[in-house]
Amino acid sequence: MDFKELLSFEHKNMLELLDLLQQEQTFSVLMAAEKLKVSDKTIHCYIQRFEKKQETFKIEGLCKIYTTTKGIVKYRELCVCGLARFRQKFCYFIPEFYILRCLIEERINYAQLTQVLGLQESTLRKKLSNIRRWLVNFDIIVRQKHYDLTGNEWQIRQLILCFYLFFQESCLEENREMTRKIITFFELDLNVAQQNHLSWLIYIWERRYRGGHEISVPNANLFQQTSAFFYLFRVEVLSTSFMSLKEQKALFVILEAHFGGCFGKRARKYFIHEQMKIESLCLKTAIFIMKEIRRNFTQHHFNYQEIHLCRFLSTHMNSLLDGQAWLPAHKQEQTLAARYQQTWHRLQKLIRLLKRLYPVFTSVKERELTSCYFYHILDLFNPILYEKKYIICLLTDFPPEKEQALGQSIKSYFSEKKNITIIHGKPAYQLHQAHLLIVNHLFQMNVALSSETVVYLPEELSPAFFEKVEANLS
């Protein structure tokens, strides 16, 4: 992608001069005039305009570009990497580049553009139209209403990669810690160039998802090598890292989770904002799960089915919390309720993540799976959270509608006295979650249960039945 194609004749030549300075350090005015096919007088004008640009955009103190009496173009850096920084700032305020950056970062606002660039709105719209026509060559479309990029996802990422490389922006420092974690976790043998590639990719994904975009690749093909989304990742990093395909997928999951491809806009914004201050829960969860999966890959094929994953996660649920699993007994009810909700929502996000990443989960009922994990947490790590919350499991041979109605009747009876949650015990692994089982045929159960936790369902819901249920919960 040649971004200079977007520029006016003057801006294109001025940028060529800056690139020539970076390559040659010094050159003669005559040589530059011959190379750019302009007069030597025009070259002198360009040098003067560089000085004017510094004053206009208040970017003084970076470098001084000048011509000697013998017609030699030179520069003097006034700070570290002064010329490179000046080139970056110069590009930043070229209208076409500024508008393209706003398109990539989802910040198109005509009032703001007019103020920053000092151009009329009609001029800005004309430049935007030219950019849109140029992007069509790469199968990238700018939607009229929201001014966001759609089309070929691989080309969009190539555009972003090339654009920031063209600007010579350094993102290595801000992503060094994340890169270190990934390299350490997977014990990757990466040289400096490969580490830089990984940092660039992290940087691009952060930019891309900051605006709240979802991935356009179908879920079922997410990990296919033919997937455009996975293909770019392989080309940029994985093809040079000597990782197994399973480890490549695991690393991909971590980055995907880290940048929130499956979370809502608000949650995504929070995780990205927090990532440089503390290790986010999302990243911590993903790394934890991937470590376990990686360990299982080396031992035997890991079967991603409901019950296997439930058992797997139930023994390690503390890692899904943020280090505050045990709450002191003196906490107020309001705090407990808030914590209850936070834990529940956190698990809902985890389930959505798993359903997105593994096609086998698409048929799983989200709430049922979330409930299973949630009560594992309460059971294992947060006993204080459900002091006044009771779980009743129904195990009947009724039709689903009748069993649901029965659950509602029981819950309604206790609504003012106790906080009751009704679950349905058709999957056998849910039975042990309940404080109380209500059954109508004991032979349905294939597990040994204490008689203290079982209440037999009478033919009709009499007051005596509810009293018996209440007595068992007390």
Protein backbone atom coordinates (compact mmCIF):
# COMPACT_ATOMS: atom_id res chain seq x y z
CA MET A 1 0.00 0.00 0.00
CA ASP A 2 1.53 3.29 -1.13
CA PHE A 3 -0.01 5.94 1.11
CA LYS A 4 1.75 8.69 -0.82
CA GLU A 5 -0.77 8.11 -3.62
CA LEU A 6 -3.29 9.97 -1.46
CA LEU A 7 -1.20 13.14 -1.19
CA SER A 8 -1.13 16.35 -3.14
CA PHE A 9 1.92 17.02 -5.32
CA GLU A 10 3.46 19.37 -2.74
CA HIS A 11 2.97 17.16 0.31
CA LYS A 12 4.22 14.13 -1.59
CA ASN A 13 7.45 15.93 -2.57
CA MET A 14 8.01 17.30 0.93
CA LEU A 15 7.64 13.82 2.38
CA GLU A 16 10.07 12.47 -0.23
CA LEU A 17 12.58 15.09 0.95
CA LEU A 18 12.23 13.96 4.57
CA ASP A 19 12.70 10.32 3.57
CA LEU A 20 15.73 11.31 1.50
CA LEU A 21 17.22 13.06 4.52
CA GLN A 22 16.73 9.95 6.64
CA GLN A 23 18.45 7.79 4.02
CA GLU A 24 21.28 10.07 2.84
CA GLN A 25 21.81 12.37 5.88
CA THR A 26 22.77 15.21 3.48
CA PHE A 27 22.22 15.87 -0.23
CA SER A 28 22.51 18.70 -2.71
CA VAL A 29 19.61 20.85 -3.80
CA LEU A 30 20.37 20.01 -7.45
CA MET A 31 20.25 16.26 -6.76
CA ALA A 32 16.91 16.60 -4.96
CA ALA A 33 15.49 18.76 -7.76
CA GLU A 34 16.50 16.16 -10.33
CA LYS A 35 15.06 13.30 -8.29
CA LEU A 36 11.70 15.03 -7.68
CA LYS A 37 11.62 16.60 -11.15
CA VAL A 38 11.15 20.14 -9.86
CA SER A 39 13.30 23.27 -9.95
CA ASP A 40 15.98 24.02 -7.35
CA LYS A 41 13.95 27.08 -6.37
CA THR A 42 11.04 24.78 -5.44
CA ILE A 43 13.36 22.73 -3.20
CA HIS A 44 14.35 25.91 -1.35
CA CYS A 45 10.64 26.72 -0.93
CA TYR A 46 10.00 23.27 0.56
CA ILE A 47 12.82 23.76 3.09
CA GLN A 48 11.32 27.11 4.13
CA ARG A 49 7.90 25.50 4.49
CA PHE A 50 9.30 22.90 6.87
CA GLU A 51 10.25 25.77 9.16
CA LYS A 52 6.80 27.30 8.78
CA LYS A 53 5.10 23.97 9.51
CA GLN A 54 6.97 23.74 12.80
CA GLU A 55 5.60 27.12 13.85
CA THR A 56 2.06 26.45 12.58
CA PHE A 57 1.65 23.10 14.31
CA LYS A 58 3.83 23.99 17.32
CA ILE A 59 6.28 21.15 16.82
CA GLU A 60 9.48 23.14 17.39
CA GLY A 61 12.40 21.70 19.27
CA LEU A 62 12.68 18.50 17.22
CA CYS A 63 15.11 19.27 14.41
CA LYS A 64 16.25 22.10 12.15
CA ILE A 65 16.34 21.54 8.37
CA TYR A 66 18.35 24.07 6.37
CA THR A 67 20.45 24.63 3.24
CA THR A 68 24.07 25.76 3.31
CA THR A 69 25.54 28.51 1.14
CA LYS A 70 26.91 25.76 -1.12
CA GLY A 71 23.42 24.37 -1.80
CA ILE A 72 23.62 21.35 0.52
CA VAL A 73 20.51 20.30 2.47
CA LYS A 74 21.31 19.34 6.07
CA TYR A 75 19.52 18.91 9.37
CA ARG A 76 20.41 19.28 13.02
CA GLU A 77 18.52 17.21 15.60
CA LEU A 78 17.48 19.16 18.68
CA CYS A 79 16.47 16.03 20.62
CA VAL A 80 16.83 12.25 20.43
CA CYS A 81 15.46 10.94 17.10
CA GLY A 82 14.52 14.51 16.23
CA LEU A 83 14.22 13.97 12.46
CA ALA A 84 12.09 10.82 12.84
CA ARG A 85 9.82 12.60 15.31
CA PHE A 86 9.53 15.62 13.02
CA ARG A 87 8.58 13.35 10.09
CA GLN A 88 5.95 11.67 12.25
CA LYS A 89 4.46 15.00 13.35
CA PHE A 90 4.61 16.34 9.80
CA CYS A 91 2.69 13.29 8.52
CA TYR A 92 0.23 13.58 11.37
CA PHE A 93 -0.99 16.99 10.17
CA ILE A 94 -1.17 16.16 6.46
CA PRO A 95 -4.97 16.29 5.93
CA GLU A 96 -5.23 12.99 4.01
CA PHE A 97 -3.23 11.11 6.63
CA TYR A 98 -5.06 12.74 9.52
CA ILE A 99 -8.44 11.77 8.02
CA LEU A 100 -7.26 8.20 7.33
CA ARG A 101 -6.05 7.88 10.92
CA CYS A 102 -9.44 9.09 12.15
CA LEU A 103 -11.13 6.48 9.94
CA ILE A 104 -8.96 3.71 11.37
CA GLU A 105 -9.48 4.87 14.96
CA GLU A 106 -13.17 5.70 14.47
CA ARG A 107 -12.93 9.40 15.25
CA ILE A 108 -14.53 11.12 12.26
CA ASN A 109 -15.93 14.44 13.47
CA TYR A 110 -16.14 17.24 10.90
CA ALA A 111 -16.22 20.03 13.48
CA GLN A 112 -13.06 18.71 15.10
CA LEU A 113 -11.35 18.10 11.75
CA THR A 114 -12.12 21.65 10.65
CA GLN A 115 -10.62 23.03 13.83
CA VAL A 116 -7.46 20.88 13.75
CA LEU A 117 -6.68 21.07 10.03
CA GLY A 118 -8.04 24.54 9.33
CA LEU A 119 -10.00 23.38 6.27
CA GLN A 120 -13.62 23.90 5.28
CA GLU A 121 -16.03 20.99 5.64
CA SER A 122 -16.57 20.80 1.88
CA THR A 123 -12.81 20.35 1.37
CA LEU A 124 -12.71 17.66 4.05
CA ARG A 125 -15.59 15.77 2.45
CA LYS A 126 -13.82 15.88 -0.90
CA LYS A 127 -10.63 14.47 0.61
CA LEU A 128 -12.62 11.78 2.40
CA SER A 129 -14.25 10.79 -0.90
CA ASN A 130 -10.80 10.41 -2.48
CA ILE A 131 -9.68 8.20 0.42
CA ARG A 132 -12.81 6.05 0.09
CA ARG A 133 -12.16 5.52 -3.61
CA TRP A 134 -8.55 4.58 -2.86
CA LEU A 135 -9.60 2.06 -0.19
CA VAL A 136 -12.02 0.35 -2.59
CA ASN A 137 -8.93 -0.87 -4.48
CA PHE A 138 -8.16 -3.05 -1.44
CA ASP A 139 -11.75 -4.31 -0.92
CA ILE A 140 -12.21 -1.95 2.04
CA ILE A 141 -15.41 0.06 2.27
CA VAL A 142 -16.07 3.11 4.44
CA ARG A 143 -19.68 3.01 5.57
CA GLN A 144 -21.49 6.29 5.13
CA LYS A 145 -23.33 6.49 8.45
CA HIS A 146 -20.68 5.56 11.02
CA TYR A 147 -17.53 6.03 8.91
CA ASP A 148 -16.18 2.64 9.98
CA LEU A 149 -14.15 0.25 7.85
CA THR A 150 -15.81 -2.91 6.54
CA GLY A 151 -15.05 -5.45 3.86
CA ASN A 152 -12.04 -7.72 3.65
CA GLU A 153 -10.91 -8.15 7.28
CA TRP A 154 -7.44 -9.29 6.29
CA GLN A 155 -6.96 -6.20 4.13
CA ILE A 156 -8.21 -3.96 6.95
CA ARG A 157 -5.55 -5.36 9.26
CA GLN A 158 -2.92 -5.03 6.55
CA LEU A 159 -3.97 -1.42 6.11
CA ILE A 160 -3.61 -0.72 9.83
CA LEU A 161 -0.27 -2.50 10.05
CA CYS A 162 1.17 -0.69 7.03
CA PHE A 163 -0.23 2.66 8.14
CA TYR A 164 1.41 2.63 11.57
CA LEU A 165 4.64 1.25 10.15
CA PHE A 166 4.59 4.07 7.60
CA PHE A 167 4.24 6.57 10.43
CA GLN A 168 7.16 4.85 12.16
CA GLU A 169 5.22 4.89 15.41
CA SER A 170 6.87 3.00 18.24
CA CYS A 171 4.45 0.88 20.21
CA LEU A 172 7.09 -1.48 21.54
CA GLU A 173 7.39 0.09 24.97
CA GLU A 174 3.69 0.12 25.76
CA ASN A 175 3.31 -3.52 24.70
CA ARG A 176 6.59 -4.87 26.04
CA GLU A 177 5.04 -6.30 29.21
CA MET A 178 2.24 -8.08 27.32
CA THR A 179 4.77 -9.45 24.84
CA ARG A 180 6.97 -10.67 27.69
CA LYS A 181 4.04 -12.52 29.31
CA ILE A 182 3.18 -14.32 26.08
CA ILE A 183 6.79 -15.23 25.28
CA THR A 184 7.37 -16.48 28.83
CA PHE A 185 4.12 -18.43 28.98
CA PHE A 186 4.74 -20.32 25.75
CA GLU A 187 8.53 -20.48 26.18
CA LEU A 188 8.91 -19.06 22.68
CA ASP A 189 12.33 -18.79 21.08
CA LEU A 190 11.78 -15.40 19.44
CA ASN A 191 14.50 -13.06 18.26
CA VAL A 192 14.16 -9.28 18.61
CA ALA A 193 12.55 -8.85 15.20
CA GLN A 194 9.94 -11.50 15.96
CA GLN A 195 9.23 -9.92 19.34
CA ASN A 196 8.73 -6.60 17.59
CA HIS A 197 6.29 -8.26 15.17
CA LEU A 198 4.30 -9.55 18.11
CA SER A 199 4.27 -6.10 19.72
CA TRP A 200 3.06 -4.53 16.50
CA LEU A 201 0.26 -7.07 16.22
CA ILE A 202 -0.87 -6.40 19.79
CA TYR A 203 -0.80 -2.69 19.04
CA ILE A 204 -2.90 -3.10 15.91
CA TRP A 205 -5.53 -5.20 17.69
CA GLU A 206 -5.74 -2.68 20.47
CA ARG A 207 -6.35 0.11 17.93
CA ARG A 208 -8.80 -2.00 15.96
CA TYR A 209 -10.95 -3.10 18.89
CA ARG A 210 -10.87 0.13 20.87
CA GLY A 211 -13.90 1.25 18.87
CA GLY A 212 -15.90 -1.82 19.82
CA HIS A 213 -15.84 -3.84 16.60
CA GLU A 214 -16.69 -7.50 16.47
CA ILE A 215 -14.74 -9.93 14.35
CA SER A 216 -16.31 -10.46 10.95
CA VAL A 217 -15.02 -14.03 10.55
CA PRO A 218 -17.66 -16.73 11.25
CA ASN A 219 -17.18 -18.38 14.64
CA ALA A 220 -16.94 -21.88 13.24
CA ASN A 221 -14.00 -20.91 11.02
CA LEU A 222 -12.16 -18.86 13.62
CA PHE A 223 -9.29 -21.31 13.98
CA GLN A 224 -9.22 -22.59 10.42
CA GLN A 225 -5.97 -21.91 8.62
CA THR A 226 -8.02 -20.58 5.72
CA SER A 227 -9.57 -17.93 7.97
CA ALA A 228 -8.39 -14.45 7.01
CA PHE A 229 -8.25 -13.42 10.65
CA PHE A 230 -6.06 -16.35 11.65
CA TYR A 231 -4.04 -16.12 8.44
CA LEU A 232 -2.72 -12.62 9.16
CA PHE A 233 -1.77 -13.71 12.65
CA ARG A 234 0.15 -16.70 11.27
CA VAL A 235 1.94 -14.64 8.64
CA GLU A 236 3.04 -11.92 11.02
CA VAL A 237 4.12 -13.98 14.05
CA LEU A 238 3.40 -17.67 14.18
CA SER A 239 5.12 -18.76 10.99
CA THR A 240 8.48 -17.75 12.49
CA SER A 241 7.96 -18.94 16.07
CA PHE A 242 8.21 -22.76 15.63
CA MET A 243 5.05 -23.37 17.66
CA SER A 244 2.77 -26.36 17.29
CA LEU A 245 -0.64 -25.69 15.76
CA LYS A 246 -2.36 -26.31 19.11
CA GLU A 247 -0.08 -23.81 20.84
CA GLN A 248 -0.71 -21.33 18.05
CA LYS A 249 -4.44 -21.64 18.68
CA ALA A 250 -3.93 -21.24 22.41
CA LEU A 251 -1.87 -18.08 21.96
CA PHE A 252 -4.52 -16.78 19.60
CA VAL A 253 -7.18 -17.36 22.26
CA ILE A 254 -5.21 -15.37 24.81
CA LEU A 255 -4.85 -12.39 22.52
CA GLU A 256 -8.46 -12.65 21.43
CA ALA A 257 -9.60 -12.72 25.05
CA HIS A 258 -7.23 -9.92 25.99
CA PHE A 259 -8.61 -7.57 23.38
CA GLY A 260 -12.19 -8.56 24.05
CA GLY A 261 -13.43 -9.71 20.66
CA CYS A 262 -16.48 -11.20 22.35
CA PHE A 263 -17.18 -8.66 25.08
CA GLY A 264 -19.47 -5.65 25.05
CA LYS A 265 -18.12 -2.20 24.27
CA ARG A 266 -18.02 -1.01 27.88
CA ALA A 267 -16.24 -4.13 29.16
CA ARG A 268 -13.79 -4.00 26.27
CA LYS A 269 -13.00 -0.37 27.01
CA TYR A 270 -12.37 -1.22 30.66
CA PHE A 271 -10.07 -4.17 29.99
CA ILE A 272 -7.97 -2.25 27.47
CA HIS A 273 -7.75 0.75 29.81
CA GLU A 274 -6.67 -1.43 32.72
CA GLN A 275 -4.23 -3.65 30.86
CA MET A 276 -1.15 -1.50 31.48
CA LYS A 277 -1.90 -0.92 35.18
CA ILE A 278 -2.81 -4.38 36.40
CA GLU A 279 -3.13 -7.81 34.89
CA SER A 280 -6.76 -7.82 33.81
CA LEU A 281 -9.12 -10.55 34.93
CA CYS A 282 -9.88 -11.35 31.32
CA LEU A 283 -6.24 -11.98 30.47
CA LYS A 284 -5.63 -13.85 33.73
CA THR A 285 -8.61 -16.11 33.06
CA ALA A 286 -7.53 -16.81 29.49
CA ILE A 287 -3.96 -17.60 30.49
CA PHE A 288 -5.16 -19.88 33.27
CA ILE A 289 -7.50 -21.82 31.00
CA MET A 290 -4.90 -22.08 28.26
CA LYS A 291 -2.28 -23.38 30.68
CA GLU A 292 -4.63 -26.16 31.70
CA ILE A 293 -5.57 -26.94 28.13
CA ARG A 294 -1.93 -26.93 27.09
CA ARG A 295 -1.10 -29.35 29.91
CA ASN A 296 -3.97 -31.62 28.86
CA PHE A 297 -2.88 -31.55 25.22
CA THR A 298 0.42 -33.16 26.19
CA GLN A 299 -1.31 -35.91 28.18
CA HIS A 300 -4.42 -36.80 26.23
CA HIS A 301 -6.97 -35.32 23.87
CA PHE A 302 -9.07 -32.82 25.79
CA ASN A 303 -12.77 -33.39 25.22
CA TYR A 304 -14.67 -30.09 25.10
CA GLN A 305 -18.06 -31.22 26.33
CA GLU A 306 -20.26 -29.67 28.97
CA ILE A 307 -19.62 -32.09 31.78
CA HIS A 308 -15.87 -32.37 31.17
CA LEU A 309 -15.43 -28.63 31.17
CA CYS A 310 -17.63 -28.25 34.24
CA ARG A 311 -15.51 -30.72 36.16
CA PHE A 312 -12.33 -29.17 34.86
CA LEU A 313 -13.28 -25.63 35.87
CA SER A 314 -14.98 -26.55 39.13
CA THR A 315 -11.66 -27.59 40.66
CA HIS A 316 -9.92 -24.38 39.62
CA MET A 317 -12.60 -21.72 40.00
CA ASN A 318 -10.52 -19.56 42.29
CA SER A 319 -8.46 -18.51 39.28
CA LEU A 320 -11.56 -16.98 37.74
CA LEU A 321 -11.90 -14.65 40.69
CA ASP A 322 -9.65 -11.70 41.31
CA GLY A 323 -7.90 -12.87 44.45
CA GLN A 324 -10.72 -11.87 46.81
CA ALA A 325 -12.61 -15.14 46.92
CA TRP A 326 -13.02 -15.16 50.69
CA LEU A 327 -15.03 -12.27 52.05
CA PRO A 328 -14.93 -11.34 55.75
CA ALA A 329 -18.09 -12.13 57.66
CA HIS A 330 -18.73 -8.55 58.70
CA LYS A 331 -19.40 -7.35 55.15
CA GLN A 332 -22.78 -5.69 54.68
CA GLU A 333 -25.57 -7.39 52.74
CA GLN A 334 -25.36 -4.71 50.03
CA THR A 335 -21.68 -5.48 49.44
CA LEU A 336 -22.43 -9.18 49.26
CA ALA A 337 -25.22 -8.60 46.76
CA ALA A 338 -22.90 -6.51 44.60
CA ARG A 339 -20.24 -9.19 44.76
CA TYR A 340 -22.84 -11.82 43.90
CA GLN A 341 -23.78 -9.90 40.74
CA GLN A 342 -20.16 -9.26 39.74
CA THR A 343 -19.30 -12.94 40.02
CA TRP A 344 -22.36 -13.92 38.01
CA HIS A 345 -21.68 -11.43 35.22
CA ARG A 346 -18.03 -12.41 35.10
CA LEU A 347 -18.98 -16.01 34.54
CA GLN A 348 -21.52 -15.08 31.89
CA LYS A 349 -18.70 -13.40 29.98
CA LEU A 350 -16.56 -16.49 30.34
CA ILE A 351 -19.33 -18.69 28.93
CA ARG A 352 -19.77 -16.35 25.96
CA LEU A 353 -16.04 -16.51 25.39
CA LEU A 354 -16.03 -20.32 25.44
CA LYS A 355 -19.09 -20.50 23.17
CA ARG A 356 -17.40 -18.16 20.73
CA LEU A 357 -14.10 -20.00 20.67
CA TYR A 358 -15.30 -23.60 20.57
CA PRO A 359 -18.13 -24.54 18.17
CA VAL A 360 -19.21 -27.39 20.47
CA PHE A 361 -20.57 -24.80 22.91
CA THR A 362 -23.00 -23.27 20.42
CA SER A 363 -25.64 -25.84 21.40
CA VAL A 364 -25.17 -25.34 25.14
CA LYS A 365 -27.75 -23.34 27.06
CA GLU A 366 -25.84 -20.33 28.30
CA ARG A 367 -27.74 -19.76 31.52
CA GLU A 368 -27.65 -23.43 32.49
CA LEU A 369 -23.89 -23.62 32.01
CA THR A 370 -23.31 -20.33 33.83
CA SER A 371 -25.43 -21.50 36.76
CA CYS A 372 -23.38 -24.66 37.02
CA TYR A 373 -20.10 -22.73 37.23
CA PHE A 374 -21.59 -20.13 39.53
CA TYR A 375 -22.72 -22.59 42.16
CA HIS A 376 -19.37 -24.34 41.98
CA ILE A 377 -17.81 -21.04 42.98
CA LEU A 378 -20.25 -20.54 45.84
CA ASP A 379 -19.74 -24.10 46.99
CA LEU A 380 -15.96 -24.06 46.89
CA PHE A 381 -14.85 -20.53 47.60
CA ASN A 382 -17.60 -18.18 48.74
CA PRO A 383 -19.75 -19.89 51.38
CA ILE A 384 -20.69 -16.56 52.90
CA LEU A 385 -22.22 -15.31 49.66
CA TYR A 386 -25.21 -17.61 49.79
CA GLU A 387 -25.99 -17.51 53.50
CA LYS A 388 -29.60 -16.64 52.69
CA LYS A 389 -29.76 -18.16 49.22
CA TYR A 390 -31.01 -21.71 48.76
CA ILE A 391 -30.91 -23.95 45.71
CA ILE A 392 -33.73 -26.41 45.07
CA CYS A 393 -33.32 -28.98 42.32
CA LEU A 394 -36.39 -30.52 40.66
CA LEU A 395 -36.02 -34.07 39.36
CA THR A 396 -39.29 -35.25 37.84
CA ASP A 397 -40.64 -36.99 34.78
CA PHE A 398 -43.02 -34.10 34.09
CA PRO A 399 -43.05 -32.32 30.74
CA PRO A 400 -40.74 -29.26 30.78
CA GLU A 401 -43.68 -26.82 30.95
CA LYS A 402 -45.19 -28.51 33.99
CA GLU A 403 -41.84 -28.73 35.78
CA GLN A 404 -41.21 -25.02 35.12
CA ALA A 405 -44.64 -24.17 36.55
CA LEU A 406 -43.90 -26.29 39.62
CA GLY A 407 -40.63 -24.43 40.15
CA GLN A 408 -42.40 -21.09 39.90
CA SER A 409 -44.98 -22.18 42.49
CA ILE A 410 -42.28 -23.16 44.96
CA LYS A 411 -40.29 -19.99 44.33
CA SER A 412 -43.39 -17.81 44.74
CA TYR A 413 -44.19 -19.42 48.09
CA PHE A 414 -40.73 -18.61 49.43
CA SER A 415 -40.33 -15.22 47.77
CA GLU A 416 -40.84 -13.24 50.97
CA LYS A 417 -39.18 -15.70 53.34
CA LYS A 418 -36.11 -17.04 51.57
CA ASN A 419 -34.07 -16.38 48.43
CA ILE A 420 -34.74 -19.54 46.43
CA THR A 421 -33.15 -20.55 43.13
CA ILE A 422 -34.76 -23.38 41.19
CA ILE A 423 -32.62 -25.61 38.98
CA HIS A 424 -33.69 -28.64 36.98
CA GLY A 425 -31.73 -31.84 37.50
CA LYS A 426 -32.04 -33.57 34.17
CA PRO A 427 -28.24 -33.43 33.69
CA ALA A 428 -27.00 -35.62 36.56
CA TYR A 429 -23.98 -33.43 37.28
CA GLN A 430 -26.27 -30.67 38.62
CA LEU A 431 -27.67 -32.73 41.49
CA HIS A 432 -24.89 -32.04 43.96
CA GLN A 433 -25.38 -28.25 43.62
CA ALA A 434 -28.72 -28.28 45.39
CA HIS A 435 -29.45 -27.90 49.07
CA LEU A 436 -32.66 -29.83 48.48
CA LEU A 437 -33.97 -32.22 45.81
CA ILE A 438 -37.67 -32.53 45.05
CA VAL A 439 -38.42 -35.77 43.22
CA ASN A 440 -41.44 -37.81 42.19
CA HIS A 441 -39.65 -41.05 41.22
CA LEU A 442 -36.53 -42.01 43.10
CA PHE A 443 -35.53 -44.63 40.52
CA GLN A 444 -34.74 -41.80 38.08
CA MET A 445 -31.63 -40.95 40.06
CA ASN A 446 -28.42 -42.84 39.34
CA VAL A 447 -26.54 -41.30 42.25
CA ALA A 448 -26.62 -42.01 45.97
CA LEU A 449 -28.27 -39.15 47.88
CA SER A 450 -28.82 -38.53 51.55
CA SER A 451 -32.44 -38.92 52.64
CA GLU A 452 -32.10 -35.56 54.39
CA THR A 453 -31.80 -33.73 51.07
CA VAL A 454 -34.72 -35.42 49.28
CA VAL A 455 -38.37 -34.39 49.46
CA TYR A 456 -40.94 -36.50 47.64
CA LEU A 457 -43.47 -34.63 45.59
CA PRO A 458 -47.11 -35.32 46.54
CA GLU A 459 -49.89 -35.45 44.01
CA GLU A 460 -50.87 -31.88 44.82
CA LEU A 461 -49.05 -28.98 46.44
CA SER A 462 -50.57 -28.92 49.91
CA PRO A 463 -49.53 -26.58 52.78
CA ALA A 464 -47.98 -29.60 54.48
CA PHE A 465 -45.68 -30.10 51.49
CA PHE A 466 -44.37 -26.52 51.65
CA GLU A 467 -43.88 -26.83 55.41
CA LYS A 468 -41.80 -29.96 54.84
CA VAL A 469 -39.69 -28.21 52.19
CA GLU A 470 -39.15 -25.26 54.53
CA ALA A 471 -38.17 -27.56 57.37
CA ASN A 472 -35.55 -29.25 55.20
CA LEU A 473 -34.04 -25.90 54.22
CA SER A 474 -33.83 -24.62 57.78
